[in-house]
Amino acid sequence: MAESIAFCYPVKAGNEHKVEELMKHLLETERTGQHDRRSHELGLEEVKVWRQRTPVDMVIVYLKGADVHASMRKRATEGHEFDKWYDSMIEEITGVHVGRHHSEGPPSQLLFHWHHEKGHSRTHH
């Protein structure tokens, strides 16, 4: 059974345009293939990213994989070149250093999960 986690980062005032710059790198340059390979190496099955503009400008990240917490620990400790680049981009946009943030443990906690067939649960069904 796959696990998932979601977390968010605030976009610093004045850096709003850099979010689109990051998305362009991830979707339209050689970074696309690098991100794809790295996500596979980390055992991720899905990565989704949203932009929420109100009430606060935020980037929301959703990860899904067999063991998301192990993937995040691996990412935090390997020092992979792609991760260094990505972390520097996120830190510039948000002020949060992803590697340090994730190495401290899961950045969020699942409070409840609703499924159309299984109903409500405090865990992944």
C-alpha atoms as a PDB file:
ATOM      1  CA  MET A   1       0.000   0.000   0.000  1.00  0.00           C
ATOM      2  CA  ALA A   2       1.328   3.413  -0.930  1.00  0.00           C
ATOM      3  CA  GLU A   3       1.764   6.286   1.500  1.00  0.00           C
ATOM      4  CA  SER A   4       1.332   9.941   0.763  1.00  0.00           C
ATOM      5  CA  ILE A   5       2.224  13.243   2.367  1.00  0.00           C
ATOM      6  CA  ALA A   6       1.505  16.874   1.607  1.00  0.00           C
ATOM      7  CA  PHE A   7       3.298  19.974   2.847  1.00  0.00           C
ATOM      8  CA  CYS A   8       3.555  23.593   1.844  1.00  0.00           C
ATOM      9  CA  TYR A   9       6.003  26.442   1.623  1.00  0.00           C
ATOM     10  CA  PRO A  10       5.180  30.163   1.737  1.00  0.00           C
ATOM     11  CA  VAL A  11       6.261  32.215  -1.275  1.00  0.00           C
ATOM     12  CA  LYS A  12       8.255  35.239  -0.123  1.00  0.00           C
ATOM     13  CA  ALA A  13       7.023  38.611  -1.295  1.00  0.00           C
ATOM     14  CA  GLY A  14       8.901  39.656  -4.423  1.00  0.00           C
ATOM     15  CA  ASN A  15       9.608  36.047  -5.465  1.00  0.00           C
ATOM     16  CA  GLU A  16       6.217  35.246  -6.963  1.00  0.00           C
ATOM     17  CA  HIS A  17       7.626  35.105 -10.519  1.00  0.00           C
ATOM     18  CA  LYS A  18      10.267  32.591  -9.452  1.00  0.00           C
ATOM     19  CA  VAL A  19       7.609  29.917  -8.882  1.00  0.00           C
ATOM     20  CA  GLU A  20       6.801  29.943 -12.600  1.00  0.00           C
ATOM     21  CA  GLU A  21      10.531  29.977 -13.383  1.00  0.00           C
ATOM     22  CA  LEU A  22      10.964  26.813 -11.295  1.00  0.00           C
ATOM     23  CA  MET A  23       7.989  25.133 -13.000  1.00  0.00           C
ATOM     24  CA  LYS A  24       9.435  25.995 -16.414  1.00  0.00           C
ATOM     25  CA  HIS A  25      12.736  24.328 -15.426  1.00  0.00           C
ATOM     26  CA  LEU A  26      10.943  21.218 -14.166  1.00  0.00           C
ATOM     27  CA  LEU A  27       8.614  20.906 -17.152  1.00  0.00           C
ATOM     28  CA  GLU A  28      10.505  22.277 -20.160  1.00  0.00           C
ATOM     29  CA  THR A  29      14.275  21.795 -19.734  1.00  0.00           C
ATOM     30  CA  GLU A  30      16.795  19.036 -19.039  1.00  0.00           C
ATOM     31  CA  ARG A  31      15.661  19.304 -15.406  1.00  0.00           C
ATOM     32  CA  THR A  32      12.479  17.433 -16.430  1.00  0.00           C
ATOM     33  CA  GLY A  33      14.451  14.225 -17.015  1.00  0.00           C
ATOM     34  CA  GLN A  34      16.573  14.802 -13.918  1.00  0.00           C
ATOM     35  CA  HIS A  35      13.448  15.191 -11.775  1.00  0.00           C
ATOM     36  CA  ASP A  36      11.907  12.086 -13.332  1.00  0.00           C
ATOM     37  CA  ARG A  37      15.011   9.963 -12.671  1.00  0.00           C
ATOM     38  CA  ARG A  38      15.425  11.278  -9.126  1.00  0.00           C
ATOM     39  CA  SER A  39      11.768  10.655  -8.268  1.00  0.00           C
ATOM     40  CA  HIS A  40      12.154   7.041  -9.457  1.00  0.00           C
ATOM     41  CA  GLU A  41      15.399   6.636  -7.456  1.00  0.00           C
ATOM     42  CA  LEU A  42      13.586   7.818  -4.335  1.00  0.00           C
ATOM     43  CA  GLY A  43      10.741   5.354  -4.857  1.00  0.00           C
ATOM     44  CA  LEU A  44       8.087   7.974  -5.477  1.00  0.00           C
ATOM     45  CA  GLU A  45       5.006   7.104  -7.512  1.00  0.00           C
ATOM     46  CA  GLU A  46       3.453  10.565  -7.766  1.00  0.00           C
ATOM     47  CA  VAL A  47       4.462  14.169  -7.227  1.00  0.00           C
ATOM     48  CA  LYS A  48       1.850  16.924  -7.450  1.00  0.00           C
ATOM     49  CA  VAL A  49       2.457  20.616  -6.903  1.00  0.00           C
ATOM     50  CA  TRP A  50      -0.179  23.299  -6.411  1.00  0.00           C
ATOM     51  CA  ARG A  51       0.004  27.055  -6.077  1.00  0.00           C
ATOM     52  CA  GLN A  52      -2.396  28.584  -3.573  1.00  0.00           C
ATOM     53  CA  ARG A  53      -2.535  32.363  -3.737  1.00  0.00           C
ATOM     54  CA  THR A  54      -5.004  33.215  -0.971  1.00  0.00           C
ATOM     55  CA  PRO A  55      -5.127  33.795   1.913  1.00  0.00           C
ATOM     56  CA  VAL A  56      -1.322  33.415   1.639  1.00  0.00           C
ATOM     57  CA  ASP A  57       0.780  32.649  -1.440  1.00  0.00           C
ATOM     58  CA  MET A  58       1.926  29.046  -0.967  1.00  0.00           C
ATOM     59  CA  VAL A  59       3.409  26.164  -2.947  1.00  0.00           C
ATOM     60  CA  ILE A  60       1.790  22.879  -1.907  1.00  0.00           C
ATOM     61  CA  VAL A  61       3.617  19.602  -2.563  1.00  0.00           C
ATOM     62  CA  TYR A  62       2.036  16.127  -2.543  1.00  0.00           C
ATOM     63  CA  LEU A  63       4.192  12.981  -2.635  1.00  0.00           C
ATOM     64  CA  LYS A  64       3.050   9.376  -2.951  1.00  0.00           C
ATOM     65  CA  GLY A  65       5.179   6.231  -2.769  1.00  0.00           C
ATOM     66  CA  ALA A  66       5.657   2.884  -1.054  1.00  0.00           C
ATOM     67  CA  ASP A  67       7.547   4.459   1.886  1.00  0.00           C
ATOM     68  CA  VAL A  68       7.426   8.235   1.573  1.00  0.00           C
ATOM     69  CA  HIS A  69       9.195   8.837   4.892  1.00  0.00           C
ATOM     70  CA  ALA A  70      12.111   6.604   3.858  1.00  0.00           C
ATOM     71  CA  SER A  71      12.225   8.442   0.523  1.00  0.00           C
ATOM     72  CA  MET A  72      12.440  11.777   2.332  1.00  0.00           C
ATOM     73  CA  ARG A  73      15.173  10.525   4.699  1.00  0.00           C
ATOM     74  CA  LYS A  74      17.153   9.170   1.743  1.00  0.00           C
ATOM     75  CA  ARG A  75      16.779  12.474  -0.081  1.00  0.00           C
ATOM     76  CA  ALA A  76      17.913  14.447   2.967  1.00  0.00           C
ATOM     77  CA  THR A  77      21.087  12.398   3.445  1.00  0.00           C
ATOM     78  CA  GLU A  78      22.399  11.648  -0.061  1.00  0.00           C
ATOM     79  CA  GLY A  79      23.492  15.093  -1.245  1.00  0.00           C
ATOM     80  CA  HIS A  80      22.343  14.381  -4.811  1.00  0.00           C
ATOM     81  CA  GLU A  81      23.161  17.153  -7.322  1.00  0.00           C
ATOM     82  CA  PHE A  82      19.557  17.536  -8.492  1.00  0.00           C
ATOM     83  CA  ASP A  83      18.362  17.834  -4.888  1.00  0.00           C
ATOM     84  CA  LYS A  84      20.961  20.541  -4.197  1.00  0.00           C
ATOM     85  CA  TRP A  85      19.753  22.551  -7.192  1.00  0.00           C
ATOM     86  CA  TYR A  86      16.084  22.062  -6.280  1.00  0.00           C
ATOM     87  CA  ASP A  87      16.692  22.937  -2.620  1.00  0.00           C
ATOM     88  CA  SER A  88      18.482  26.154  -3.582  1.00  0.00           C
ATOM     89  CA  MET A  89      15.565  27.153  -5.835  1.00  0.00           C
ATOM     90  CA  ILE A  90      12.994  26.450  -3.101  1.00  0.00           C
ATOM     91  CA  GLU A  91      15.079  28.286  -0.495  1.00  0.00           C
ATOM     92  CA  GLU A  92      15.357  31.313  -2.788  1.00  0.00           C
ATOM     93  CA  ILE A  93      11.582  31.348  -3.391  1.00  0.00           C
ATOM     94  CA  THR A  94      10.389  30.521   0.132  1.00  0.00           C
ATOM     95  CA  GLY A  95      13.232  31.042   2.595  1.00  0.00           C
ATOM     96  CA  VAL A  96      12.928  27.383   3.685  1.00  0.00           C
ATOM     97  CA  HIS A  97      15.881  25.010   3.215  1.00  0.00           C
ATOM     98  CA  VAL A  98      14.203  21.790   2.097  1.00  0.00           C
ATOM     99  CA  GLY A  99      17.048  19.443   3.088  1.00  0.00           C
ATOM    100  CA  ARG A 100      17.194  20.681   6.672  1.00  0.00           C
ATOM    101  CA  HIS A 101      13.410  20.871   6.904  1.00  0.00           C
ATOM    102  CA  HIS A 102      12.902  17.265   5.768  1.00  0.00           C
ATOM    103  CA  SER A 103      15.789  15.785   7.730  1.00  0.00           C
ATOM    104  CA  GLU A 104      14.031  16.833  10.942  1.00  0.00           C
ATOM    105  CA  GLY A 105      11.264  14.307  10.251  1.00  0.00           C
ATOM    106  CA  PRO A 106       7.967  14.364   8.376  1.00  0.00           C
ATOM    107  CA  PRO A 107       6.987  17.951   7.557  1.00  0.00           C
ATOM    108  CA  SER A 108       3.300  17.226   8.144  1.00  0.00           C
ATOM    109  CA  GLN A 109       0.976  14.826   9.919  1.00  0.00           C
ATOM    110  CA  LEU A 110      -2.116  13.176   8.425  1.00  0.00           C
ATOM    111  CA  LEU A 111      -5.116  14.187  10.537  1.00  0.00           C
ATOM    112  CA  PHE A 112      -7.780  12.256   8.639  1.00  0.00           C
ATOM    113  CA  HIS A 113      -8.403  10.549   5.322  1.00  0.00           C
ATOM    114  CA  TRP A 114     -11.779  10.217   3.606  1.00  0.00           C
ATOM    115  CA  HIS A 115     -12.262   7.631   0.847  1.00  0.00           C
ATOM    116  CA  HIS A 116     -15.401   7.251  -1.260  1.00  0.00           C
ATOM    117  CA  GLU A 117     -15.670   3.515  -0.451  1.00  0.00           C
ATOM    118  CA  LYS A 118     -13.971   3.294   2.948  1.00  0.00           C
ATOM    119  CA  GLY A 119     -15.171   6.427   4.728  1.00  0.00           C
ATOM    120  CA  HIS A 120     -13.145   8.278   7.340  1.00  0.00           C
ATOM    121  CA  SER A 121      -9.884   7.171   8.936  1.00  0.00           C
ATOM    122  CA  ARG A 122      -6.981   8.725  10.857  1.00  0.00           C
ATOM    123  CA  THR A 123      -4.549   6.717   8.690  1.00  0.00           C
ATOM    124  CA  HIS A 124      -4.101   5.843   5.042  1.00  0.00           C
ATOM    125  CA  HIS A 125      -6.775   3.164   4.471  1.00  0.00           C
END
